[in-house]
PDB file of N, CA and C in Angstrom:
ATOM      1  N   MET A   1      -8.575  14.023 -25.113  1.00  0.00           N
ATOM      2  CA  MET A   1      -8.017  12.699 -24.875  1.00  0.00           C
ATOM      3  C   MET A   1      -9.164  11.689 -24.841  1.00  0.00           C
ATOM      4  N   ARG A   2      -9.008  10.653 -25.590  1.00  0.00           N
ATOM      5  CA  ARG A   2     -10.027   9.614 -25.631  1.00  0.00           C
ATOM      6  C   ARG A   2      -9.911   8.704 -24.414  1.00  0.00           C
ATOM      7  N   ALA A   3     -10.943   7.968 -24.114  1.00  0.00           N
ATOM      8  CA  ALA A   3     -10.926   7.036 -22.985  1.00  0.00           C
ATOM      9  C   ALA A   3      -9.904   5.931 -23.205  1.00  0.00           C
ATOM     10  N   ALA A   4      -9.766   5.473 -24.430  1.00  0.00           N
ATOM     11  CA  ALA A   4      -8.781   4.422 -24.717  1.00  0.00           C
ATOM     12  C   ALA A   4      -7.368   4.937 -24.478  1.00  0.00           C
ATOM     13  N   ASP A   5      -7.120   6.206 -24.788  1.00  0.00           N
ATOM     14  CA  ASP A   5      -5.794   6.781 -24.554  1.00  0.00           C
ATOM     15  C   ASP A   5      -5.448   6.783 -23.076  1.00  0.00           C
ATOM     16  N   SER A   6      -6.403   7.131 -22.238  1.00  0.00           N
ATOM     17  CA  SER A   6      -6.114   7.168 -20.805  1.00  0.00           C
ATOM     18  C   SER A   6      -5.881   5.761 -20.250  1.00  0.00           C
ATOM     19  N   ARG A   7      -6.604   4.760 -20.774  1.00  0.00           N
ATOM     20  CA  ARG A   7      -6.374   3.388 -20.334  1.00  0.00           C
ATOM     21  C   ARG A   7      -4.999   2.896 -20.758  1.00  0.00           C
ATOM     22  N   GLU A   8      -4.599   3.240 -21.965  1.00  0.00           N
ATOM     23  CA  GLU A   8      -3.280   2.839 -22.439  1.00  0.00           C
ATOM     24  C   GLU A   8      -2.190   3.490 -21.582  1.00  0.00           C
ATOM     25  N   PHE A   9      -2.366   4.751 -21.236  1.00  0.00           N
ATOM     26  CA  PHE A   9      -1.370   5.423 -20.403  1.00  0.00           C
ATOM     27  C   PHE A   9      -1.295   4.770 -19.024  1.00  0.00           C
ATOM     28  N   THR A  10      -2.443   4.384 -18.473  1.00  0.00           N
ATOM     29  CA  THR A  10      -2.449   3.738 -17.165  1.00  0.00           C
ATOM     30  C   THR A  10      -1.747   2.383 -17.237  1.00  0.00           C
ATOM     31  N   LEU A  11      -1.903   1.673 -18.336  1.00  0.00           N
ATOM     32  CA  LEU A  11      -1.243   0.376 -18.471  1.00  0.00           C
ATOM     33  C   LEU A  11       0.262   0.515 -18.679  1.00  0.00           C
ATOM     34  N   TYR A  12       0.677   1.544 -19.415  1.00  0.00           N
ATOM     35  CA  TYR A  12       2.078   1.649 -19.799  1.00  0.00           C
ATOM     36  C   TYR A  12       2.842   2.739 -19.065  1.00  0.00           C
ATOM     37  N   GLY A  13       2.174   3.595 -18.357  1.00  0.00           N
ATOM     38  CA  GLY A  13       2.861   4.670 -17.671  1.00  0.00           C
ATOM     39  C   GLY A  13       2.337   4.845 -16.264  1.00  0.00           C
ATOM     40  N   PRO A  14       3.072   5.557 -15.445  1.00  0.00           N
ATOM     41  CA  PRO A  14       2.627   5.749 -14.058  1.00  0.00           C
ATOM     42  C   PRO A  14       1.473   6.746 -13.965  1.00  0.00           C
ATOM     43  N   SER A  15       0.649   6.543 -13.002  1.00  0.00           N
ATOM     44  CA  SER A  15      -0.408   7.493 -12.687  1.00  0.00           C
ATOM     45  C   SER A  15      -0.616   7.468 -11.182  1.00  0.00           C
ATOM     46  N   HIS A  16      -1.429   8.353 -10.690  1.00  0.00           N
ATOM     47  CA  HIS A  16      -1.647   8.406  -9.246  1.00  0.00           C
ATOM     48  C   HIS A  16      -2.377   7.164  -8.735  1.00  0.00           C
ATOM     49  N   LEU A  17      -3.107   6.475  -9.573  1.00  0.00           N
ATOM     50  CA  LEU A  17      -3.822   5.277  -9.131  1.00  0.00           C
ATOM     51  C   LEU A  17      -2.927   4.047  -9.098  1.00  0.00           C
ATOM     52  N   THR A  18      -1.883   4.003  -9.925  1.00  0.00           N
ATOM     53  CA  THR A  18      -1.009   2.833  -9.898  1.00  0.00           C
ATOM     54  C   THR A  18      -0.189   2.792  -8.621  1.00  0.00           C
ATOM     55  N   VAL A  19       0.034   3.922  -7.991  1.00  0.00           N
ATOM     56  CA  VAL A  19       0.759   3.951  -6.730  1.00  0.00           C
ATOM     57  C   VAL A  19      -0.040   3.256  -5.645  1.00  0.00           C
ATOM     58  N   LEU A  20      -1.342   3.421  -5.655  1.00  0.00           N
ATOM     59  CA  LEU A  20      -2.196   2.810  -4.641  1.00  0.00           C
ATOM     60  C   LEU A  20      -2.372   1.307  -4.851  1.00  0.00           C
ATOM     61  N   ALA A  21      -2.079   0.807  -6.033  1.00  0.00           N
ATOM     62  CA  ALA A  21      -2.289  -0.601  -6.330  1.00  0.00           C
ATOM     63  C   ALA A  21      -1.128  -1.473  -5.870  1.00  0.00           C
ATOM     64  N   VAL A  22      -0.017  -0.886  -5.437  1.00  0.00           N
ATOM     65  CA  VAL A  22       1.172  -1.651  -5.076  1.00  0.00           C
ATOM     66  C   VAL A  22       1.398  -1.541  -3.570  1.00  0.00           C
ATOM     67  N   PHE A  23       1.614  -2.681  -2.913  1.00  0.00           N
ATOM     68  CA  PHE A  23       1.903  -2.681  -1.486  1.00  0.00           C
ATOM     69  C   PHE A  23       3.395  -2.431  -1.288  1.00  0.00           C
ATOM     70  N   VAL A  24       3.716  -1.463  -0.475  1.00  0.00           N
ATOM     71  CA  VAL A  24       5.107  -1.085  -0.254  1.00  0.00           C
ATOM     72  C   VAL A  24       5.657  -1.874   0.928  1.00  0.00           C
ATOM     73  N   VAL A  25       6.788  -2.545   0.734  1.00  0.00           N
ATOM     74  CA  VAL A  25       7.384  -3.340   1.800  1.00  0.00           C
ATOM     75  C   VAL A  25       8.554  -2.629   2.467  1.00  0.00           C
ATOM     76  N   VAL A  26       8.997  -1.512   1.921  1.00  0.00           N
ATOM     77  CA  VAL A  26      10.117  -0.764   2.484  1.00  0.00           C
ATOM     78  C   VAL A  26       9.574   0.189   3.547  1.00  0.00           C
ATOM     79  N   ALA A  27      10.248   0.242   4.683  1.00  0.00           N
ATOM     80  CA  ALA A  27       9.812   1.120   5.759  1.00  0.00           C
ATOM     81  C   ALA A  27      10.121   2.578   5.414  1.00  0.00           C
ATOM     82  N   ALA A  28       9.193   3.445   5.726  1.00  0.00           N
ATOM     83  CA  ALA A  28       9.386   4.874   5.527  1.00  0.00           C
ATOM     84  C   ALA A  28       9.993   5.464   6.797  1.00  0.00           C
ATOM     85  N   VAL A  29      10.364   6.727   6.742  1.00  0.00           N
ATOM     86  CA  VAL A  29      10.960   7.390   7.903  1.00  0.00           C
ATOM     87  C   VAL A  29       9.970   7.419   9.067  1.00  0.00           C
ATOM     88  N   LEU A  30       8.712   7.670   8.785  1.00  0.00           N
ATOM     89  CA  LEU A  30       7.713   7.708   9.855  1.00  0.00           C
ATOM     90  C   LEU A  30       7.512   6.329  10.488  1.00  0.00           C
ATOM     91  N   ASP A  31       7.712   5.259   9.722  1.00  0.00           N
ATOM     92  CA  ASP A  31       7.615   3.913  10.295  1.00  0.00           C
ATOM     93  C   ASP A  31       8.730   3.662  11.301  1.00  0.00           C
ATOM     94  N   VAL A  32       9.893   4.240  11.061  1.00  0.00           N
ATOM     95  CA  VAL A  32      11.028   4.064  11.964  1.00  0.00           C
ATOM     96  C   VAL A  32      10.794   4.810  13.284  1.00  0.00           C
ATOM     97  N   LEU A  33      10.063   5.928  13.227  1.00  0.00           N
ATOM     98  CA  LEU A  33       9.837   6.741  14.420  1.00  0.00           C
ATOM     99  C   LEU A  33       8.781   6.174  15.363  1.00  0.00           C
ATOM    100  N   GLY A  34       8.029   5.183  14.937  1.00  0.00           N
ATOM    101  CA  GLY A  34       7.062   4.560  15.832  1.00  0.00           C
ATOM    102  C   GLY A  34       5.646   4.667  15.317  1.00  0.00           C
ATOM    103  N   PRO A  35       4.666   4.208  16.117  1.00  0.00           N
ATOM    104  CA  PRO A  35       3.265   4.255  15.693  1.00  0.00           C
ATOM    105  C   PRO A  35       2.711   5.674  15.708  1.00  0.00           C
ATOM    106  N   TRP A  36       1.481   5.824  15.250  1.00  0.00           N
ATOM    107  CA  TRP A  36       0.855   7.113  14.977  1.00  0.00           C
ATOM    108  C   TRP A  36       1.002   8.173  16.058  1.00  0.00           C
ATOM    109  N   PRO A  37       0.469   8.075  17.217  1.00  0.00           N
ATOM    110  CA  PRO A  37       0.576   9.260  18.073  1.00  0.00           C
ATOM    111  C   PRO A  37       1.977   9.452  18.640  1.00  0.00           C
ATOM    112  N   VAL A  38       2.763   8.373  18.686  1.00  0.00           N
ATOM    113  CA  VAL A  38       4.073   8.454  19.325  1.00  0.00           C
ATOM    114  C   VAL A  38       5.088   9.157  18.427  1.00  0.00           C
ATOM    115  N   TYR A  39       4.985   8.983  17.104  1.00  0.00           N
ATOM    116  CA  TYR A  39       6.001   9.555  16.227  1.00  0.00           C
ATOM    117  C   TYR A  39       5.902  11.070  16.125  1.00  0.00           C
ATOM    118  N   LEU A  40       4.848  11.661  16.626  1.00  0.00           N
ATOM    119  CA  LEU A  40       4.730  13.121  16.569  1.00  0.00           C
ATOM    120  C   LEU A  40       5.790  13.805  17.422  1.00  0.00           C
ATOM    121  N   LEU A  41       6.109  13.250  18.591  1.00  0.00           N
ATOM    122  CA  LEU A  41       7.105  13.876  19.461  1.00  0.00           C
ATOM    123  C   LEU A  41       8.506  13.879  18.853  1.00  0.00           C
ATOM    124  N   PRO A  42       9.022  12.744  18.369  1.00  0.00           N
ATOM    125  CA  PRO A  42      10.338  12.806  17.718  1.00  0.00           C
ATOM    126  C   PRO A  42      10.331  13.644  16.447  1.00  0.00           C
ATOM    127  N   GLU A  43       9.205  13.651  15.748  1.00  0.00           N
ATOM    128  CA  GLU A  43       9.113  14.448  14.526  1.00  0.00           C
ATOM    129  C   GLU A  43       9.184  15.935  14.846  1.00  0.00           C
ATOM    130  N   ILE A  44       8.486  16.362  15.872  1.00  0.00           N
ATOM    131  CA  ILE A  44       8.538  17.777  16.283  1.00  0.00           C
ATOM    132  C   ILE A  44       9.942  18.134  16.754  1.00  0.00           C
ATOM    133  N   ALA A  45      10.555  17.255  17.525  1.00  0.00           N
ATOM    134  CA  ALA A  45      11.922  17.509  17.990  1.00  0.00           C
ATOM    135  C   ALA A  45      12.898  17.585  16.818  1.00  0.00           C
ATOM    136  N   LEU A  46      12.725  16.737  15.825  1.00  0.00           N
ATOM    137  CA  LEU A  46      13.588  16.754  14.655  1.00  0.00           C
ATOM    138  C   LEU A  46      13.414  18.040  13.848  1.00  0.00           C
ATOM    139  N   VAL A  47      12.182  18.471  13.653  1.00  0.00           N
ATOM    140  CA  VAL A  47      11.925  19.711  12.913  1.00  0.00           C
ATOM    141  C   VAL A  47      12.498  20.909  13.661  1.00  0.00           C
ATOM    142  N   LEU A  48      12.314  20.968  14.964  1.00  0.00           N
ATOM    143  CA  LEU A  48      12.853  22.097  15.741  1.00  0.00           C
ATOM    144  C   LEU A  48      14.380  22.106  15.732  1.00  0.00           C
ATOM    145  N   THR A  49      14.996  20.934  15.780  1.00  0.00           N
ATOM    146  CA  THR A  49      16.457  20.857  15.743  1.00  0.00           C
ATOM    147  C   THR A  49      16.997  21.320  14.400  1.00  0.00           C
ATOM    148  N   VAL A  50      16.399  20.852  13.329  1.00  0.00           N
ATOM    149  CA  VAL A  50      16.849  21.271  11.990  1.00  0.00           C
ATOM    150  C   VAL A  50      16.633  22.762  11.803  1.00  0.00           C
ATOM    151  N   TRP A  51      15.489  23.280  12.253  1.00  0.00           N
ATOM    152  CA  TRP A  51      15.223  24.715  12.140  1.00  0.00           C
ATOM    153  C   TRP A  51      16.243  25.523  12.945  1.00  0.00           C
ATOM    154  N   ALA A  52      16.560  25.077  14.153  1.00  0.00           N
ATOM    155  CA  ALA A  52      17.530  25.796  14.976  1.00  0.00           C
ATOM    156  C   ALA A  52      18.917  25.775  14.332  1.00  0.00           C
ATOM    157  N   LEU A  53      19.312  24.643  13.766  1.00  0.00           N
ATOM    158  CA  LEU A  53      20.608  24.568  13.102  1.00  0.00           C
ATOM    159  C   LEU A  53      20.653  25.416  11.833  1.00  0.00           C
ATOM    160  N   MET A  54      19.533  25.531  11.137  1.00  0.00           N
ATOM    161  CA  MET A  54      19.504  26.354   9.921  1.00  0.00           C
ATOM    162  C   MET A  54      19.568  27.838  10.248  1.00  0.00           C
ATOM    163  N   THR A  55      18.966  28.259  11.347  1.00  0.00           N
ATOM    164  CA  THR A  55      18.929  29.687  11.674  1.00  0.00           C
ATOM    165  C   THR A  55      20.065  30.109  12.595  1.00  0.00           C
ATOM    166  N   TRP A  56      20.830  29.166  13.132  1.00  0.00           N
ATOM    167  CA  TRP A  56      21.886  29.484  14.080  1.00  0.00           C
ATOM    168  C   TRP A  56      22.946  30.433  13.528  1.00  0.00           C
ATOM    169  N   PRO A  57      23.443  30.263  12.305  1.00  0.00           N
ATOM    170  CA  PRO A  57      24.462  31.204  11.822  1.00  0.00           C
ATOM    171  C   PRO A  57      23.984  32.649  11.781  1.00  0.00           C
ATOM    172  N   TRP A  58      22.737  32.889  11.449  1.00  0.00           N
ATOM    173  CA  TRP A  58      22.241  34.256  11.379  1.00  0.00           C
ATOM    174  C   TRP A  58      22.011  34.843  12.776  1.00  0.00           C
ATOM    175  N   THR A  59      21.538  34.036  13.702  1.00  0.00           N
ATOM    176  CA  THR A  59      21.337  34.566  15.050  1.00  0.00           C
ATOM    177  C   THR A  59      22.675  34.796  15.735  1.00  0.00           C
ATOM    178  N   ARG A  60      23.667  33.970  15.429  1.00  0.00           N
ATOM    179  CA  ARG A  60      24.996  34.150  16.007  1.00  0.00           C
ATOM    180  C   ARG A  60      25.653  35.413  15.473  1.00  0.00           C
ATOM    181  N   SER A  61      25.544  35.674  14.176  1.00  0.00           N
ATOM    182  CA  SER A  61      26.152  36.876  13.612  1.00  0.00           C
ATOM    183  C   SER A  61      25.411  38.130  14.068  1.00  0.00           C
ATOM    184  N   ARG A  62      24.110  38.025  14.323  1.00  0.00           N
ATOM    185  CA  ARG A  62      23.355  39.177  14.796  1.00  0.00           C
ATOM    186  C   ARG A  62      23.798  39.573  16.211  1.00  0.00           C
ATOM    187  N   THR A  63      24.037  38.613  17.083  1.00  0.00           N
ATOM    188  CA  THR A  63      24.464  38.938  18.446  1.00  0.00           C
ATOM    189  C   THR A  63      25.914  39.420  18.460  1.00  0.00           C
ATOM    190  N   ARG A  64      26.727  38.965  17.537  1.00  0.00           N
ATOM    191  CA  ARG A  64      28.121  39.393  17.476  1.00  0.00           C
ATOM    192  C   ARG A  64      28.221  40.817  16.926  1.00  0.00           C
ATOM    193  N   ASP A  65      27.343  41.189  15.979  1.00  0.00           N
ATOM    194  CA  ASP A  65      27.384  42.516  15.379  1.00  0.00           C
ATOM    195  C   ASP A  65      26.611  43.555  16.174  1.00  0.00           C
ATOM    196  N   ALA A  66      25.885  43.146  17.196  1.00  0.00           N
ATOM    197  CA  ALA A  66      25.084  44.084  17.982  1.00  0.00           C
ATOM    198  C   ALA A  66      26.015  44.988  18.805  1.00  0.00           C
ATOM    199  N   PRO A  67      25.659  46.293  18.864  1.00  0.00           N
ATOM    200  CA  PRO A  67      26.501  47.205  19.671  1.00  0.00           C
ATOM    201  C   PRO A  67      26.359  46.914  21.160  1.00  0.00           C
ATOM    202  N   ALA A  68      27.426  47.166  21.889  1.00  0.00           N
ATOM    203  CA  ALA A  68      27.403  46.960  23.340  1.00  0.00           C
ATOM    204  C   ALA A  68      26.585  48.056  23.991  1.00  0.00           C
ATOM    205  N   ARG A  69      25.819  47.702  24.983  1.00  0.00           N
ATOM    206  CA  ARG A  69      24.989  48.713  25.669  1.00  0.00           C
ATOM    207  C   ARG A  69      25.607  49.135  26.946  1.00  0.00           C
TER     208      ARG A  69
END
């Protein structure tokens, strides 16, 4: 690939550097959760909740199928 080809692609197509050149005005999910150290707590709680809901059907069926002792 020639240098001119890469410049043309950057002008006419997306690249990883064109993303950095644009200021984003739309809030991301992490922006909604709060500033840097504070958003870690809701994020951890959200991940644990989703994980528990995803694994709940299998843990429920395992306890139901377990033999009585």
